């Protein structure tokens, strides 16, 4: 198992087939999943957000070309 710190988010996104975000909304997590992070994802990746919407740049997520995106 690999553990990533927030400064390595782009590496995590590039290596993952599935990303599940379960973040609380705080000043530090506001749009933590940014357009830059999303751009590093594989085109075959699946992104699942079960946290607060403000933690993800949803506009960038919609523009991305991922296999599947789920937000709850």
PDB file of N, CA and C in Angstrom:
ATOM      1  N   UNK A   1       0.846  -1.177   0.000  1.00  0.00           N
ATOM      2  CA  UNK A   1       0.000   0.000   0.000  1.00  0.00           C
ATOM      3  C   UNK A   1       0.886   1.233   0.000  1.00  0.00           C
ATOM      4  N   UNK A   2       0.524   2.184  -0.809  1.00  0.00           N
ATOM      5  CA  UNK A   2       1.258   3.451  -0.920  1.00  0.00           C
ATOM      6  C   UNK A   2       0.459   4.554  -0.241  1.00  0.00           C
ATOM      7  N   UNK A   3       1.121   5.396   0.540  1.00  0.00           N
ATOM      8  CA  UNK A   3       0.487   6.536   1.190  1.00  0.00           C
ATOM      9  C   UNK A   3       1.015   7.795   0.528  1.00  0.00           C
ATOM     10  N   UNK A   4       0.105   8.689   0.154  1.00  0.00           N
ATOM     11  CA  UNK A   4       0.474   9.936  -0.509  1.00  0.00           C
ATOM     12  C   UNK A   4       0.120  11.125   0.375  1.00  0.00           C
ATOM     13  N   UNK A   5       1.000  12.082   0.441  1.00  0.00           N
ATOM     14  CA  UNK A   5       0.715  13.341   1.133  1.00  0.00           C
ATOM     15  C   UNK A   5       0.066  14.290   0.122  1.00  0.00           C
ATOM     16  N   UNK A   6      -0.620  15.328   0.587  1.00  0.00           N
ATOM     17  CA  UNK A   6      -1.310  16.237  -0.350  1.00  0.00           C
ATOM     18  C   UNK A   6      -0.409  16.820  -1.437  1.00  0.00           C
ATOM     19  N   UNK A   7       0.860  17.030  -1.148  1.00  0.00           N
ATOM     20  CA  UNK A   7       1.759  17.581  -2.171  1.00  0.00           C
ATOM     21  C   UNK A   7       2.074  16.576  -3.273  1.00  0.00           C
ATOM     22  N   UNK A   8       1.691  15.328  -3.091  1.00  0.00           N
ATOM     23  CA  UNK A   8       1.899  14.276  -4.101  1.00  0.00           C
ATOM     24  C   UNK A   8       0.585  13.856  -4.764  1.00  0.00           C
ATOM     25  N   UNK A   9      -0.434  14.704  -4.655  1.00  0.00           N
ATOM     26  CA  UNK A   9      -1.751  14.372  -5.205  1.00  0.00           C
ATOM     27  C   UNK A   9      -1.694  14.078  -6.704  1.00  0.00           C
ATOM     28  N   UNK A  10      -0.923  14.859  -7.460  1.00  0.00           N
ATOM     29  CA  UNK A  10      -0.846  14.626  -8.908  1.00  0.00           C
ATOM     30  C   UNK A  10      -0.274  13.250  -9.217  1.00  0.00           C
ATOM     31  N   UNK A  11       0.699  12.801  -8.427  1.00  0.00           N
ATOM     32  CA  UNK A  11       1.264  11.460  -8.610  1.00  0.00           C
ATOM     33  C   UNK A  11       0.208  10.391  -8.337  1.00  0.00           C
ATOM     34  N   UNK A  12      -0.543  10.575  -7.255  1.00  0.00           N
ATOM     35  CA  UNK A  12      -1.616   9.637  -6.921  1.00  0.00           C
ATOM     36  C   UNK A  12      -2.631   9.562  -8.057  1.00  0.00           C
ATOM     37  N   UNK A  13      -3.038  10.718  -8.556  1.00  0.00           N
ATOM     38  CA  UNK A  13      -4.037  10.752  -9.627  1.00  0.00           C
ATOM     39  C   UNK A  13      -3.529  10.052 -10.886  1.00  0.00           C
ATOM     40  N   UNK A  14      -2.262  10.243 -11.206  1.00  0.00           N
ATOM     41  CA  UNK A  14      -1.685   9.653 -12.427  1.00  0.00           C
ATOM     42  C   UNK A  14      -1.574   8.133 -12.329  1.00  0.00           C
ATOM     43  N   UNK A  15      -1.383   7.612 -11.136  1.00  0.00           N
ATOM     44  CA  UNK A  15      -1.154   6.178 -10.956  1.00  0.00           C
ATOM     45  C   UNK A  15      -2.421   5.379 -10.673  1.00  0.00           C
ATOM     46  N   UNK A  16      -3.513   6.053 -10.346  1.00  0.00           N
ATOM     47  CA  UNK A  16      -4.713   5.358  -9.867  1.00  0.00           C
ATOM     48  C   UNK A  16      -5.708   5.031 -10.972  1.00  0.00           C
ATOM     49  N   UNK A  17      -6.293   3.839 -10.874  1.00  0.00           N
ATOM     50  CA  UNK A  17      -7.393   3.456 -11.763  1.00  0.00           C
ATOM     51  C   UNK A  17      -8.723   3.916 -11.175  1.00  0.00           C
ATOM     52  N   UNK A  18      -8.791   3.963  -9.850  1.00  0.00           N
ATOM     53  CA  UNK A  18      -9.979   4.423  -9.125  1.00  0.00           C
ATOM     54  C   UNK A  18      -9.530   5.435  -8.078  1.00  0.00           C
ATOM     55  N   UNK A  19     -10.256   6.540  -7.982  1.00  0.00           N
ATOM     56  CA  UNK A  19     -10.005   7.538  -6.943  1.00  0.00           C
ATOM     57  C   UNK A  19     -11.321   7.772  -6.218  1.00  0.00           C
ATOM     58  N   UNK A  20     -11.298   7.586  -4.900  1.00  0.00           N
ATOM     59  CA  UNK A  20     -12.468   7.858  -4.075  1.00  0.00           C
ATOM     60  C   UNK A  20     -12.109   9.008  -3.141  1.00  0.00           C
ATOM     61  N   UNK A  21     -12.823  10.118  -3.267  1.00  0.00           N
ATOM     62  CA  UNK A  21     -12.594  11.281  -2.412  1.00  0.00           C
ATOM     63  C   UNK A  21     -13.660  11.297  -1.318  1.00  0.00           C
ATOM     64  N   UNK A  22     -13.207  11.318  -0.067  1.00  0.00           N
ATOM     65  CA  UNK A  22     -14.116  11.355   1.084  1.00  0.00           C
ATOM     66  C   UNK A  22     -13.633  12.457   2.031  1.00  0.00           C
ATOM     67  N   UNK A  23     -13.578  13.660   1.506  1.00  0.00           N
ATOM     68  CA  UNK A  23     -12.988  14.786   2.229  1.00  0.00           C
ATOM     69  C   UNK A  23     -14.036  15.655   2.908  1.00  0.00           C
ATOM     70  N   UNK A  24     -13.717  16.151   4.098  1.00  0.00           N
ATOM     71  CA  UNK A  24     -14.580  17.169   4.699  1.00  0.00           C
ATOM     72  C   UNK A  24     -14.269  18.506   4.041  1.00  0.00           C
ATOM     73  N   UNK A  25     -15.179  19.444   4.110  1.00  0.00           N
ATOM     74  CA  UNK A  25     -14.916  20.766   3.551  1.00  0.00           C
ATOM     75  C   UNK A  25     -14.262  21.642   4.609  1.00  0.00           C
ATOM     76  N   UNK A  26     -12.999  22.015   4.362  1.00  0.00           N
ATOM     77  CA  UNK A  26     -12.263  22.933   5.221  1.00  0.00           C
ATOM     78  C   UNK A  26     -11.513  23.908   4.323  1.00  0.00           C
ATOM     79  N   UNK A  27     -10.874  24.890   4.919  1.00  0.00           N
ATOM     80  CA  UNK A  27     -10.057  25.822   4.128  1.00  0.00           C
ATOM     81  C   UNK A  27      -8.950  25.084   3.373  1.00  0.00           C
ATOM     82  N   UNK A  28      -8.390  24.048   3.983  1.00  0.00           N
ATOM     83  CA  UNK A  28      -7.287  23.304   3.359  1.00  0.00           C
ATOM     84  C   UNK A  28      -7.748  22.349   2.261  1.00  0.00           C
ATOM     85  N   UNK A  29      -9.022  21.931   2.307  1.00  0.00           N
ATOM     86  CA  UNK A  29      -9.501  20.981   1.300  1.00  0.00           C
ATOM     87  C   UNK A  29     -10.328  21.636   0.197  1.00  0.00           C
ATOM     88  N   UNK A  30     -10.584  22.929   0.294  1.00  0.00           N
ATOM     89  CA  UNK A  30     -11.351  23.643  -0.745  1.00  0.00           C
ATOM     90  C   UNK A  30     -10.692  23.418  -2.109  1.00  0.00           C
ATOM     91  N   UNK A  31     -11.407  22.769  -3.016  1.00  0.00           N
ATOM     92  CA  UNK A  31     -10.934  22.443  -4.369  1.00  0.00           C
ATOM     93  C   UNK A  31      -9.564  21.775  -4.358  1.00  0.00           C
ATOM     94  N   UNK A  32      -9.333  20.931  -3.349  1.00  0.00           N
ATOM     95  CA  UNK A  32      -8.087  20.162  -3.308  1.00  0.00           C
ATOM     96  C   UNK A  32      -7.956  19.304  -4.563  1.00  0.00           C
ATOM     97  N   UNK A  33      -9.076  18.730  -4.998  1.00  0.00           N
ATOM     98  CA  UNK A  33      -9.089  17.990  -6.256  1.00  0.00           C
ATOM     99  C   UNK A  33      -9.329  19.032  -7.347  1.00  0.00           C
ATOM    100  N   UNK A  34      -8.228  19.623  -7.796  1.00  0.00           N
ATOM    101  CA  UNK A  34      -8.237  20.763  -8.718  1.00  0.00           C
ATOM    102  C   UNK A  34      -8.213  20.301 -10.168  1.00  0.00           C
ATOM    103  N   UNK A  35      -8.343  21.262 -11.073  1.00  0.00           N
ATOM    104  CA  UNK A  35      -8.255  20.941 -12.501  1.00  0.00           C
ATOM    105  C   UNK A  35      -6.883  20.356 -12.828  1.00  0.00           C
ATOM    106  N   UNK A  36      -5.842  20.844 -12.158  1.00  0.00           N
ATOM    107  CA  UNK A  36      -4.502  20.290 -12.389  1.00  0.00           C
ATOM    108  C   UNK A  36      -4.442  18.828 -11.969  1.00  0.00           C
ATOM    109  N   UNK A  37      -4.966  18.518 -10.784  1.00  0.00           N
ATOM    110  CA  UNK A  37      -4.970  17.127 -10.312  1.00  0.00           C
ATOM    111  C   UNK A  37      -5.780  16.237 -11.248  1.00  0.00           C
ATOM    112  N   UNK A  38      -6.942  16.719 -11.667  1.00  0.00           N
ATOM    113  CA  UNK A  38      -7.805  15.947 -12.569  1.00  0.00           C
ATOM    114  C   UNK A  38      -7.113  15.706 -13.904  1.00  0.00           C
ATOM    115  N   UNK A  39      -6.357  16.678 -14.379  1.00  0.00           N
ATOM    116  CA  UNK A  39      -5.667  16.536 -15.673  1.00  0.00           C
ATOM    117  C   UNK A  39      -4.605  15.440 -15.641  1.00  0.00           C
ATOM    118  N   UNK A  40      -4.144  15.052 -14.472  1.00  0.00           N
ATOM    119  CA  UNK A  40      -3.150  13.986 -14.351  1.00  0.00           C
ATOM    120  C   UNK A  40      -3.777  12.590 -14.354  1.00  0.00           C
ATOM    121  N   UNK A  41      -5.094  12.506 -14.262  1.00  0.00           N
ATOM    122  CA  UNK A  41      -5.752  11.203 -14.196  1.00  0.00           C
ATOM    123  C   UNK A  41      -5.717  10.486 -15.539  1.00  0.00           C
ATOM    124  N   UNK A  42      -5.687   9.169 -15.464  1.00  0.00           N
ATOM    125  CA  UNK A  42      -5.790   8.346 -16.670  1.00  0.00           C
ATOM    126  C   UNK A  42      -7.161   8.563 -17.298  1.00  0.00           C
ATOM    127  N   UNK A  43      -7.243   8.479 -18.601  1.00  0.00           N
ATOM    128  CA  UNK A  43      -8.529   8.625 -19.294  1.00  0.00           C
ATOM    129  C   UNK A  43      -9.467   7.461 -18.988  1.00  0.00           C
ATOM    130  N   UNK A  44      -8.917   6.375 -18.487  1.00  0.00           N
ATOM    131  CA  UNK A  44      -9.723   5.201 -18.128  1.00  0.00           C
ATOM    132  C   UNK A  44     -10.052   5.165 -16.638  1.00  0.00           C
ATOM    133  N   UNK A  45      -9.686   6.220 -15.915  1.00  0.00           N
ATOM    134  CA  UNK A  45      -9.888   6.250 -14.461  1.00  0.00           C
ATOM    135  C   UNK A  45     -11.351   6.477 -14.101  1.00  0.00           C
ATOM    136  N   UNK A  46     -11.686   6.039 -12.899  1.00  0.00           N
ATOM    137  CA  UNK A  46     -13.011   6.241 -12.327  1.00  0.00           C
ATOM    138  C   UNK A  46     -12.832   7.135 -11.101  1.00  0.00           C
ATOM    139  N   UNK A  47     -13.611   8.229 -11.028  1.00  0.00           N
ATOM    140  CA  UNK A  47     -13.543   9.144  -9.896  1.00  0.00           C
ATOM    141  C   UNK A  47     -14.862   9.092  -9.147  1.00  0.00           C
ATOM    142  N   UNK A  48     -14.795   8.845  -7.845  1.00  0.00           N
ATOM    143  CA  UNK A  48     -15.985   8.783  -7.000  1.00  0.00           C
ATOM    144  C   UNK A  48     -15.803   9.774  -5.859  1.00  0.00           C
ATOM    145  N   UNK A  49     -16.734  10.705  -5.727  1.00  0.00           N
ATOM    146  CA  UNK A  49     -16.683  11.681  -4.653  1.00  0.00           C
ATOM    147  C   UNK A  49     -17.824  11.413  -3.675  1.00  0.00           C
ATOM    148  N   UNK A  50     -17.477  11.039  -2.447  1.00  0.00           N
ATOM    149  CA  UNK A  50     -18.501  10.854  -1.413  1.00  0.00           C
ATOM    150  C   UNK A  50     -18.342  11.897  -0.306  1.00  0.00           C
ATOM    151  N   UNK A  51     -17.464  12.873  -0.561  1.00  0.00           N
ATOM    152  CA  UNK A  51     -17.245  13.962   0.391  1.00  0.00           C
ATOM    153  C   UNK A  51     -18.049  15.191  -0.008  1.00  0.00           C
ATOM    154  N   UNK A  52     -17.630  16.307   0.495  1.00  0.00           N
ATOM    155  CA  UNK A  52     -18.300  17.572   0.208  1.00  0.00           C
ATOM    156  C   UNK A  52     -17.921  18.081  -1.175  1.00  0.00           C
ATOM    157  N   UNK A  53     -18.901  18.614  -1.892  1.00  0.00           N
ATOM    158  CA  UNK A  53     -18.693  19.080  -3.260  1.00  0.00           C
ATOM    159  C   UNK A  53     -17.652  20.171  -3.400  1.00  0.00           C
ATOM    160  N   UNK A  54     -17.490  21.002  -2.373  1.00  0.00           N
ATOM    161  CA  UNK A  54     -16.547  22.109  -2.453  1.00  0.00           C
ATOM    162  C   UNK A  54     -15.093  21.644  -2.485  1.00  0.00           C
ATOM    163  N   UNK A  55     -14.841  20.382  -2.241  1.00  0.00           N
ATOM    164  CA  UNK A  55     -13.471  19.870  -2.245  1.00  0.00           C
ATOM    165  C   UNK A  55     -13.001  19.502  -3.648  1.00  0.00           C
ATOM    166  N   UNK A  56     -13.921  19.473  -4.593  1.00  0.00           N
ATOM    167  CA  UNK A  56     -13.621  19.065  -5.967  1.00  0.00           C
ATOM    168  C   UNK A  56     -13.973  20.196  -6.916  1.00  0.00           C
ATOM    169  N   UNK A  57     -13.083  20.465  -7.872  1.00  0.00           N
ATOM    170  CA  UNK A  57     -13.384  21.424  -8.931  1.00  0.00           C
ATOM    171  C   UNK A  57     -14.310  20.702  -9.917  1.00  0.00           C
ATOM    172  N   UNK A  58     -15.608  20.778  -9.649  1.00  0.00           N
ATOM    173  CA  UNK A  58     -16.577  20.006 -10.431  1.00  0.00           C
ATOM    174  C   UNK A  58     -16.628  20.442 -11.888  1.00  0.00           C
ATOM    175  N   UNK A  59     -16.394  21.711 -12.165  1.00  0.00           N
ATOM    176  CA  UNK A  59     -16.378  22.182 -13.555  1.00  0.00           C
ATOM    177  C   UNK A  59     -15.251  21.491 -14.327  1.00  0.00           C
ATOM    178  N   UNK A  60     -14.081  21.391 -13.720  1.00  0.00           N
ATOM    179  CA  UNK A  60     -12.956  20.699 -14.357  1.00  0.00           C
ATOM    180  C   UNK A  60     -13.249  19.215 -14.502  1.00  0.00           C
ATOM    181  N   UNK A  61     -13.953  18.658 -13.527  1.00  0.00           N
ATOM    182  CA  UNK A  61     -14.304  17.243 -13.572  1.00  0.00           C
ATOM    183  C   UNK A  61     -15.213  16.949 -14.761  1.00  0.00           C
ATOM    184  N   UNK A  62     -16.157  17.829 -15.009  1.00  0.00           N
ATOM    185  CA  UNK A  62     -17.076  17.664 -16.139  1.00  0.00           C
ATOM    186  C   UNK A  62     -16.322  17.776 -17.463  1.00  0.00           C
ATOM    187  N   UNK A  63     -15.342  18.659 -17.518  1.00  0.00           N
ATOM    188  CA  UNK A  63     -14.574  18.856 -18.752  1.00  0.00           C
ATOM    189  C   UNK A  63     -13.574  17.737 -19.004  1.00  0.00           C
ATOM    190  N   UNK A  64     -13.237  16.994 -17.946  1.00  0.00           N
ATOM    191  CA  UNK A  64     -12.274  15.897 -18.090  1.00  0.00           C
ATOM    192  C   UNK A  64     -12.848  14.780 -18.947  1.00  0.00           C
ATOM    193  N   UNK A  65     -11.984  13.900 -19.389  1.00  0.00           N
ATOM    194  CA  UNK A  65     -12.421  12.798 -20.246  1.00  0.00           C
ATOM    195  C   UNK A  65     -12.207  11.477 -19.523  1.00  0.00           C
ATOM    196  N   UNK A  66     -12.781  11.369 -18.346  1.00  0.00           N
ATOM    197  CA  UNK A  66     -12.616  10.159 -17.554  1.00  0.00           C
ATOM    198  C   UNK A  66     -13.667   9.124 -17.948  1.00  0.00           C
ATOM    199  N   UNK A  67     -13.369   7.889 -17.658  1.00  0.00           N
ATOM    200  CA  UNK A  67     -14.289   6.793 -17.970  1.00  0.00           C
ATOM    201  C   UNK A  67     -15.607   6.947 -17.227  1.00  0.00           C
ATOM    202  N   UNK A  68     -15.541   7.277 -15.925  1.00  0.00           N
ATOM    203  CA  UNK A  68     -16.739   7.392 -15.107  1.00  0.00           C
ATOM    204  C   UNK A  68     -16.515   8.378 -13.975  1.00  0.00           C
ATOM    205  N   UNK A  69     -17.504   9.209 -13.716  1.00  0.00           N
ATOM    206  CA  UNK A  69     -17.469  10.157 -12.603  1.00  0.00           C
ATOM    207  C   UNK A  69     -18.759   9.993 -11.810  1.00  0.00           C
ATOM    208  N   UNK A  70     -18.619   9.811 -10.501  1.00  0.00           N
ATOM    209  CA  UNK A  70     -19.786   9.707  -9.603  1.00  0.00           C
ATOM    210  C   UNK A  70     -19.612  10.674  -8.459  1.00  0.00           C
ATOM    211  N   UNK A  71     -20.615  11.489  -8.216  1.00  0.00           N
ATOM    212  CA  UNK A  71     -20.609  12.342  -7.033  1.00  0.00           C
ATOM    213  C   UNK A  71     -21.899  12.136  -6.292  1.00  0.00           C
ATOM    214  N   UNK A  72     -21.812  12.030  -4.983  1.00  0.00           N
ATOM    215  CA  UNK A  72     -22.990  11.804  -4.153  1.00  0.00           C
ATOM    216  C   UNK A  72     -23.260  13.011  -3.303  1.00  0.00           C
TER     217      UNK A  72
END
